[in-house]
Amino acid sequence: MAAARPITLLAVLATTASAADLAFQRLALHHYEDGPIIGSSYEYVAGEVGWFGVRISGYQREAREPEQGARLSWEVRITDPAGVLIEPPRKGGIDELLRVQDKDWVPKFNVMFIVPSYAPRGDYKIAVSVKDETG
């Protein structure tokens, strides 16, 4: 049986000067996409699949007649205890058309990762950067 390899979270938020309110509403680890949140004491094992979910608040809405829109870009980097990437960085974007009834809408994204079978024991870090493209 493989030794447990705990994953810890490190959040880095990149913002522009005009998007000073941009913040993480929630950072969470899951066993599957949008599944229940895993407690902080959980330890992943080599070869295990995990999901990392992010919810963002404080984004600016851009005017798109007759609705509004939200445009954000993000990057996730997962590193081992020595700072080496365990897989290539993941990048993506959120581009949503929002209507009046979407006043409580929250931008979110999920990233799947696999703890490598050769991974050394220790704390792994997940660095996240988010940019509000509207601001």
N, C-alpha and C. Protein backbone atom coordinates (compact mmCIF):
# COMPACT_ATOMS: atom_id res chain seq x y z
N MET A 1 0.84 -1.18 0.00
CA MET A 1 0.00 0.00 0.00
C MET A 1 0.89 1.25 0.00
N ALA A 2 0.55 2.19 -0.81
CA ALA A 2 1.34 3.41 -0.94
C ALA A 2 1.15 4.31 0.27
N ALA A 3 2.20 5.07 0.60
CA ALA A 3 2.12 6.02 1.71
C ALA A 3 1.24 7.20 1.31
N ALA A 4 0.57 7.76 2.27
CA ALA A 4 -0.30 8.91 2.01
C ALA A 4 0.53 10.13 1.67
N ARG A 5 0.01 10.94 0.75
CA ARG A 5 0.68 12.17 0.35
C ARG A 5 -0.31 13.30 0.49
N PRO A 6 -0.25 14.05 1.58
CA PRO A 6 -1.23 15.10 1.78
C PRO A 6 -1.07 16.25 0.79
N ILE A 7 -2.19 16.82 0.40
CA ILE A 7 -2.23 17.98 -0.48
C ILE A 7 -2.71 19.16 0.36
N THR A 8 -2.00 20.26 0.33
CA THR A 8 -2.45 21.47 1.00
C THR A 8 -2.77 22.52 -0.05
N LEU A 9 -3.51 23.52 0.33
CA LEU A 9 -3.94 24.56 -0.60
C LEU A 9 -3.18 25.85 -0.38
N LEU A 10 -2.79 26.49 -1.46
CA LEU A 10 -2.20 27.81 -1.44
C LEU A 10 -2.92 28.60 -2.51
N ALA A 11 -3.56 29.67 -2.13
CA ALA A 11 -4.32 30.47 -3.08
C ALA A 11 -3.62 31.79 -3.35
N VAL A 12 -3.45 32.09 -4.62
CA VAL A 12 -2.86 33.35 -5.05
C VAL A 12 -3.87 34.01 -5.96
N LEU A 13 -4.24 35.23 -5.66
CA LEU A 13 -5.24 35.92 -6.46
C LEU A 13 -4.60 37.06 -7.21
N ALA A 14 -4.69 37.02 -8.51
CA ALA A 14 -4.16 38.10 -9.35
C ALA A 14 -5.32 39.01 -9.72
N THR A 15 -5.19 40.26 -9.46
CA THR A 15 -6.25 41.20 -9.79
C THR A 15 -5.65 42.41 -10.48
N THR A 16 -6.52 43.15 -11.12
CA THR A 16 -6.09 44.41 -11.70
C THR A 16 -6.49 45.51 -10.72
N ALA A 17 -5.96 46.70 -10.90
CA ALA A 17 -6.24 47.80 -9.98
C ALA A 17 -7.73 48.11 -9.92
N SER A 18 -8.43 48.01 -11.05
CA SER A 18 -9.85 48.34 -11.05
C SER A 18 -10.72 47.22 -10.49
N ALA A 19 -10.16 46.03 -10.33
CA ALA A 19 -10.93 44.90 -9.80
C ALA A 19 -10.49 44.56 -8.39
N ALA A 20 -10.39 45.57 -7.56
CA ALA A 20 -9.85 45.39 -6.21
C ALA A 20 -10.70 44.48 -5.33
N ASP A 21 -11.99 44.30 -5.66
CA ASP A 21 -12.87 43.47 -4.84
C ASP A 21 -12.86 42.00 -5.24
N LEU A 22 -12.14 41.63 -6.29
CA LEU A 22 -12.08 40.25 -6.75
C LEU A 22 -11.50 39.39 -5.63
N ALA A 23 -12.19 38.29 -5.29
CA ALA A 23 -11.76 37.44 -4.18
C ALA A 23 -12.25 36.02 -4.38
N PHE A 24 -11.65 35.09 -3.65
CA PHE A 24 -12.13 33.72 -3.66
C PHE A 24 -13.28 33.61 -2.68
N GLN A 25 -14.40 33.12 -3.15
CA GLN A 25 -15.53 32.86 -2.27
C GLN A 25 -15.35 31.50 -1.60
N ARG A 26 -14.80 30.53 -2.38
CA ARG A 26 -14.55 29.21 -1.82
C ARG A 26 -13.49 28.48 -2.64
N LEU A 27 -12.56 27.84 -1.95
CA LEU A 27 -11.58 26.93 -2.53
C LEU A 27 -11.82 25.58 -1.86
N ALA A 28 -11.96 24.52 -2.63
CA ALA A 28 -12.30 23.25 -2.00
C ALA A 28 -11.77 22.07 -2.79
N LEU A 29 -11.44 20.99 -2.09
CA LEU A 29 -11.07 19.72 -2.70
C LEU A 29 -12.27 18.79 -2.64
N HIS A 30 -12.43 17.97 -3.69
CA HIS A 30 -13.55 17.03 -3.79
C HIS A 30 -13.03 15.69 -4.31
N HIS A 31 -13.78 14.60 -4.04
CA HIS A 31 -13.45 13.29 -4.60
C HIS A 31 -13.89 13.18 -6.05
N TYR A 32 -14.93 13.93 -6.41
CA TYR A 32 -15.41 13.96 -7.79
C TYR A 32 -15.97 15.34 -8.07
N GLU A 33 -16.17 15.66 -9.35
CA GLU A 33 -16.59 17.00 -9.75
C GLU A 33 -17.86 17.43 -9.03
N ASP A 34 -17.79 18.58 -8.36
CA ASP A 34 -18.91 19.15 -7.59
C ASP A 34 -19.41 18.24 -6.48
N GLY A 35 -18.57 17.29 -6.04
CA GLY A 35 -18.95 16.40 -4.95
C GLY A 35 -18.81 17.11 -3.61
N PRO A 36 -19.08 16.38 -2.52
CA PRO A 36 -18.93 16.97 -1.18
C PRO A 36 -17.50 17.43 -0.94
N ILE A 37 -17.34 18.46 -0.14
CA ILE A 37 -16.01 19.00 0.16
C ILE A 37 -15.27 18.03 1.07
N ILE A 38 -13.99 17.81 0.75
CA ILE A 38 -13.13 16.93 1.56
C ILE A 38 -12.57 17.74 2.72
N GLY A 39 -12.56 17.16 3.90
CA GLY A 39 -12.02 17.83 5.09
C GLY A 39 -10.51 18.07 4.98
N SER A 40 -10.02 19.02 5.77
CA SER A 40 -8.60 19.40 5.72
C SER A 40 -7.66 18.29 6.21
N SER A 41 -8.17 17.30 6.90
CA SER A 41 -7.32 16.23 7.41
C SER A 41 -7.17 15.07 6.41
N TYR A 42 -7.89 15.13 5.30
CA TYR A 42 -7.82 14.05 4.31
C TYR A 42 -6.44 14.02 3.65
N GLU A 43 -5.91 12.81 3.43
CA GLU A 43 -4.62 12.65 2.77
C GLU A 43 -4.79 11.81 1.51
N TYR A 44 -4.38 12.37 0.37
CA TYR A 44 -4.42 11.65 -0.89
C TYR A 44 -3.32 10.60 -0.93
N VAL A 45 -3.50 9.56 -1.73
CA VAL A 45 -2.48 8.54 -1.93
C VAL A 45 -2.02 8.59 -3.38
N ALA A 46 -0.87 8.01 -3.65
CA ALA A 46 -0.31 8.01 -5.00
C ALA A 46 -1.30 7.41 -5.99
N GLY A 47 -1.46 8.09 -7.13
CA GLY A 47 -2.35 7.62 -8.18
C GLY A 47 -3.81 8.02 -8.00
N GLU A 48 -4.13 8.66 -6.89
CA GLU A 48 -5.52 9.04 -6.63
C GLU A 48 -5.93 10.25 -7.46
N VAL A 49 -7.18 10.25 -7.90
CA VAL A 49 -7.74 11.36 -8.65
C VAL A 49 -8.47 12.29 -7.68
N GLY A 50 -8.29 13.58 -7.86
CA GLY A 50 -8.98 14.56 -7.04
C GLY A 50 -9.52 15.68 -7.90
N TRP A 51 -10.40 16.46 -7.31
CA TRP A 51 -10.97 17.63 -7.98
C TRP A 51 -10.77 18.83 -7.09
N PHE A 52 -10.44 19.95 -7.71
CA PHE A 52 -10.25 21.21 -7.01
C PHE A 52 -11.27 22.19 -7.57
N GLY A 53 -12.11 22.74 -6.69
CA GLY A 53 -13.16 23.67 -7.12
C GLY A 53 -12.94 25.06 -6.57
N VAL A 54 -13.24 26.06 -7.41
CA VAL A 54 -13.06 27.47 -7.05
C VAL A 54 -14.33 28.23 -7.35
N ARG A 55 -14.75 29.07 -6.40
CA ARG A 55 -15.85 30.02 -6.61
C ARG A 55 -15.30 31.41 -6.37
N ILE A 56 -15.71 32.37 -7.22
CA ILE A 56 -15.13 33.71 -7.22
C ILE A 56 -16.20 34.75 -6.94
N SER A 57 -15.84 35.76 -6.16
CA SER A 57 -16.76 36.87 -5.89
C SER A 57 -16.06 38.18 -6.22
N GLY A 58 -16.82 39.26 -6.28
CA GLY A 58 -16.26 40.59 -6.50
C GLY A 58 -15.91 40.91 -7.93
N TYR A 59 -16.38 40.11 -8.89
CA TYR A 59 -16.09 40.37 -10.29
C TYR A 59 -16.97 41.52 -10.79
N GLN A 60 -16.53 42.15 -11.87
CA GLN A 60 -17.31 43.24 -12.45
C GLN A 60 -18.14 42.71 -13.60
N ARG A 61 -19.35 43.23 -13.71
CA ARG A 61 -20.22 42.87 -14.82
C ARG A 61 -20.05 43.90 -15.93
N GLU A 62 -19.90 43.43 -17.15
CA GLU A 62 -19.78 44.35 -18.27
C GLU A 62 -21.14 44.50 -18.95
N ALA A 63 -21.40 45.67 -19.47
CA ALA A 63 -22.66 45.95 -20.15
C ALA A 63 -22.66 45.29 -21.52
N ARG A 64 -23.65 44.44 -21.75
CA ARG A 64 -23.89 43.81 -23.05
C ARG A 64 -25.38 43.97 -23.31
N GLU A 65 -25.73 44.90 -24.13
CA GLU A 65 -27.15 45.21 -24.35
C GLU A 65 -27.91 43.99 -24.80
N PRO A 66 -29.07 43.67 -24.25
CA PRO A 66 -29.71 44.32 -23.12
C PRO A 66 -29.32 43.68 -21.78
N GLU A 67 -28.41 42.69 -21.80
CA GLU A 67 -28.00 42.01 -20.57
C GLU A 67 -26.64 42.51 -20.09
N GLN A 68 -26.05 41.75 -19.19
CA GLN A 68 -24.69 42.01 -18.71
C GLN A 68 -23.87 40.75 -18.93
N GLY A 69 -22.58 40.87 -18.75
CA GLY A 69 -21.72 39.71 -18.92
C GLY A 69 -20.61 39.67 -17.89
N ALA A 70 -19.98 38.52 -17.77
CA ALA A 70 -18.84 38.33 -16.88
C ALA A 70 -17.74 37.63 -17.68
N ARG A 71 -16.52 38.18 -17.60
CA ARG A 71 -15.37 37.58 -18.29
C ARG A 71 -14.20 37.49 -17.32
N LEU A 72 -13.79 36.27 -17.03
CA LEU A 72 -12.65 36.04 -16.15
C LEU A 72 -11.73 35.00 -16.80
N SER A 73 -10.46 35.09 -16.50
CA SER A 73 -9.51 34.06 -16.91
C SER A 73 -8.85 33.50 -15.66
N TRP A 74 -8.41 32.24 -15.72
CA TRP A 74 -7.82 31.61 -14.55
C TRP A 74 -6.68 30.66 -14.94
N GLU A 75 -5.83 30.39 -13.97
CA GLU A 75 -4.76 29.42 -14.13
C GLU A 75 -4.56 28.69 -12.81
N VAL A 76 -4.35 27.37 -12.89
CA VAL A 76 -4.11 26.54 -11.70
C VAL A 76 -2.81 25.79 -11.92
N ARG A 77 -1.94 25.85 -10.90
CA ARG A 77 -0.65 25.15 -10.93
C ARG A 77 -0.56 24.28 -9.68
N ILE A 78 -0.30 22.99 -9.86
CA ILE A 78 -0.20 22.06 -8.74
C ILE A 78 1.24 21.56 -8.67
N THR A 79 1.88 21.76 -7.50
CA THR A 79 3.29 21.40 -7.34
C THR A 79 3.49 20.44 -6.17
N ASP A 80 4.57 19.67 -6.26
CA ASP A 80 4.93 18.75 -5.18
C ASP A 80 5.70 19.51 -4.10
N PRO A 81 6.13 18.84 -3.03
CA PRO A 81 6.81 19.55 -1.94
C PRO A 81 8.08 20.29 -2.37
N ALA A 82 8.72 19.87 -3.47
CA ALA A 82 9.93 20.53 -3.95
C ALA A 82 9.60 21.68 -4.91
N GLY A 83 8.32 21.91 -5.18
CA GLY A 83 7.93 22.99 -6.08
C GLY A 83 7.87 22.58 -7.55
N VAL A 84 7.98 21.28 -7.82
CA VAL A 84 7.93 20.77 -9.19
C VAL A 84 6.48 20.52 -9.59
N LEU A 85 6.10 20.98 -10.79
CA LEU A 85 4.74 20.76 -11.28
C LEU A 85 4.46 19.26 -11.40
N ILE A 86 3.31 18.80 -10.92
CA ILE A 86 2.96 17.38 -11.08
C ILE A 86 2.23 17.14 -12.40
N GLU A 87 1.76 18.20 -13.03
CA GLU A 87 1.17 18.15 -14.36
C GLU A 87 1.21 19.56 -14.94
N PRO A 88 1.03 19.71 -16.25
CA PRO A 88 1.08 21.06 -16.83
C PRO A 88 0.04 21.98 -16.20
N PRO A 89 0.34 23.28 -16.14
CA PRO A 89 -0.64 24.23 -15.60
C PRO A 89 -1.94 24.18 -16.41
N ARG A 90 -3.05 24.34 -15.72
CA ARG A 90 -4.36 24.37 -16.39
C ARG A 90 -4.79 25.82 -16.51
N LYS A 91 -5.29 26.18 -17.70
CA LYS A 91 -5.77 27.54 -17.93
C LYS A 91 -7.18 27.46 -18.50
N GLY A 92 -7.94 28.49 -18.21
CA GLY A 92 -9.29 28.53 -18.75
C GLY A 92 -9.90 29.90 -18.60
N GLY A 93 -11.13 29.98 -19.01
CA GLY A 93 -11.83 31.25 -18.92
C GLY A 93 -13.31 31.04 -18.65
N ILE A 94 -13.92 32.08 -18.18
CA ILE A 94 -15.36 32.10 -17.93
C ILE A 94 -15.88 33.30 -18.70
N ASP A 95 -16.81 33.06 -19.61
CA ASP A 95 -17.42 34.12 -20.40
C ASP A 95 -18.92 33.85 -20.42
N GLU A 96 -19.64 34.53 -19.57
CA GLU A 96 -21.07 34.26 -19.40
C GLU A 96 -21.92 35.48 -19.69
N LEU A 97 -23.04 35.23 -20.32
CA LEU A 97 -24.06 36.26 -20.53
C LEU A 97 -25.00 36.17 -19.33
N LEU A 98 -25.21 37.29 -18.63
CA LEU A 98 -26.03 37.29 -17.42
C LEU A 98 -27.29 38.10 -17.64
N ARG A 99 -28.37 37.57 -17.14
CA ARG A 99 -29.66 38.26 -17.25
C ARG A 99 -30.05 38.79 -15.88
N VAL A 100 -31.14 39.50 -15.81
CA VAL A 100 -31.61 40.10 -14.56
C VAL A 100 -31.77 39.04 -13.48
N GLN A 101 -32.31 37.87 -13.81
CA GLN A 101 -32.54 36.82 -12.81
C GLN A 101 -31.24 36.17 -12.33
N ASP A 102 -30.11 36.49 -12.93
CA ASP A 102 -28.82 35.93 -12.53
C ASP A 102 -28.10 36.79 -11.50
N LYS A 103 -28.83 37.57 -10.73
CA LYS A 103 -28.19 38.50 -9.79
C LYS A 103 -27.35 37.79 -8.73
N ASP A 104 -27.66 36.52 -8.42
CA ASP A 104 -26.91 35.76 -7.42
C ASP A 104 -25.93 34.77 -8.05
N TRP A 105 -25.72 34.86 -9.36
CA TRP A 105 -24.82 33.94 -10.06
C TRP A 105 -23.39 34.12 -9.56
N VAL A 106 -22.68 33.00 -9.41
CA VAL A 106 -21.29 33.02 -8.93
C VAL A 106 -20.42 32.28 -9.95
N PRO A 107 -19.37 32.92 -10.46
CA PRO A 107 -18.47 32.21 -11.36
C PRO A 107 -17.73 31.11 -10.62
N LYS A 108 -17.60 29.95 -11.28
CA LYS A 108 -16.88 28.84 -10.67
C LYS A 108 -16.24 27.99 -11.74
N PHE A 109 -15.22 27.25 -11.34
CA PHE A 109 -14.59 26.27 -12.23
C PHE A 109 -14.01 25.14 -11.40
N ASN A 110 -13.84 23.98 -12.04
CA ASN A 110 -13.29 22.80 -11.40
C ASN A 110 -12.12 22.28 -12.22
N VAL A 111 -11.11 21.74 -11.54
CA VAL A 111 -9.94 21.17 -12.19
C VAL A 111 -9.69 19.79 -11.61
N MET A 112 -9.54 18.79 -12.49
CA MET A 112 -9.21 17.44 -12.06
C MET A 112 -7.69 17.30 -12.02
N PHE A 113 -7.17 16.55 -11.06
CA PHE A 113 -5.74 16.28 -10.99
C PHE A 113 -5.52 14.85 -10.53
N ILE A 114 -4.31 14.34 -10.80
CA ILE A 114 -3.94 12.99 -10.37
C ILE A 114 -2.63 13.11 -9.60
N VAL A 115 -2.61 12.55 -8.40
CA VAL A 115 -1.36 12.51 -7.62
C VAL A 115 -0.50 11.43 -8.27
N PRO A 116 0.69 11.79 -8.77
CA PRO A 116 1.53 10.80 -9.48
C PRO A 116 1.95 9.64 -8.59
N SER A 117 2.15 8.48 -9.21
CA SER A 117 2.56 7.29 -8.44
C SER A 117 3.99 7.44 -7.90
N TYR A 118 4.80 8.29 -8.52
CA TYR A 118 6.19 8.50 -8.08
C TYR A 118 6.33 9.70 -7.13
N ALA A 119 5.20 10.28 -6.73
CA ALA A 119 5.23 11.53 -5.96
C ALA A 119 5.87 11.33 -4.59
N PRO A 120 6.75 12.26 -4.20
CA PRO A 120 7.35 12.18 -2.86
C PRO A 120 6.34 12.55 -1.78
N ARG A 121 6.58 12.06 -0.59
CA ARG A 121 5.71 12.36 0.55
C ARG A 121 5.86 13.83 0.94
N GLY A 122 4.77 14.47 1.37
CA GLY A 122 4.84 15.85 1.81
C GLY A 122 3.61 16.65 1.41
N ASP A 123 3.70 17.94 1.61
CA ASP A 123 2.59 18.84 1.31
C ASP A 123 2.69 19.32 -0.13
N TYR A 124 1.61 19.18 -0.86
CA TYR A 124 1.51 19.65 -2.24
C TYR A 124 0.75 20.97 -2.23
N LYS A 125 1.03 21.81 -3.20
CA LYS A 125 0.39 23.14 -3.23
C LYS A 125 -0.39 23.32 -4.52
N ILE A 126 -1.52 23.98 -4.39
CA ILE A 126 -2.35 24.33 -5.53
C ILE A 126 -2.39 25.86 -5.56
N ALA A 127 -1.76 26.44 -6.58
CA ALA A 127 -1.73 27.89 -6.72
C ALA A 127 -2.76 28.28 -7.79
N VAL A 128 -3.59 29.25 -7.46
CA VAL A 128 -4.66 29.69 -8.35
C VAL A 128 -4.52 31.18 -8.61
N SER A 129 -4.62 31.57 -9.88
CA SER A 129 -4.67 32.99 -10.18
C SER A 129 -5.91 33.24 -11.04
N VAL A 130 -6.60 34.32 -10.74
CA VAL A 130 -7.82 34.69 -11.45
C VAL A 130 -7.71 36.15 -11.84
N LYS A 131 -8.12 36.46 -13.08
CA LYS A 131 -8.09 37.83 -13.55
C LYS A 131 -9.46 38.21 -14.09
N ASP A 132 -9.97 39.35 -13.66
CA ASP A 132 -11.23 39.87 -14.16
C ASP A 132 -10.93 40.61 -15.46
N GLU A 133 -11.33 40.04 -16.58
CA GLU A 133 -11.04 40.62 -17.90
C GLU A 133 -11.90 41.86 -18.19
N THR A 134 -12.96 42.03 -17.45
CA THR A 134 -13.85 43.19 -17.65
C THR A 134 -13.25 44.45 -17.06
N GLY A 135 -12.59 44.31 -15.90
CA GLY A 135 -12.03 45.46 -15.21
C GLY A 135 -10.88 46.02 -15.93
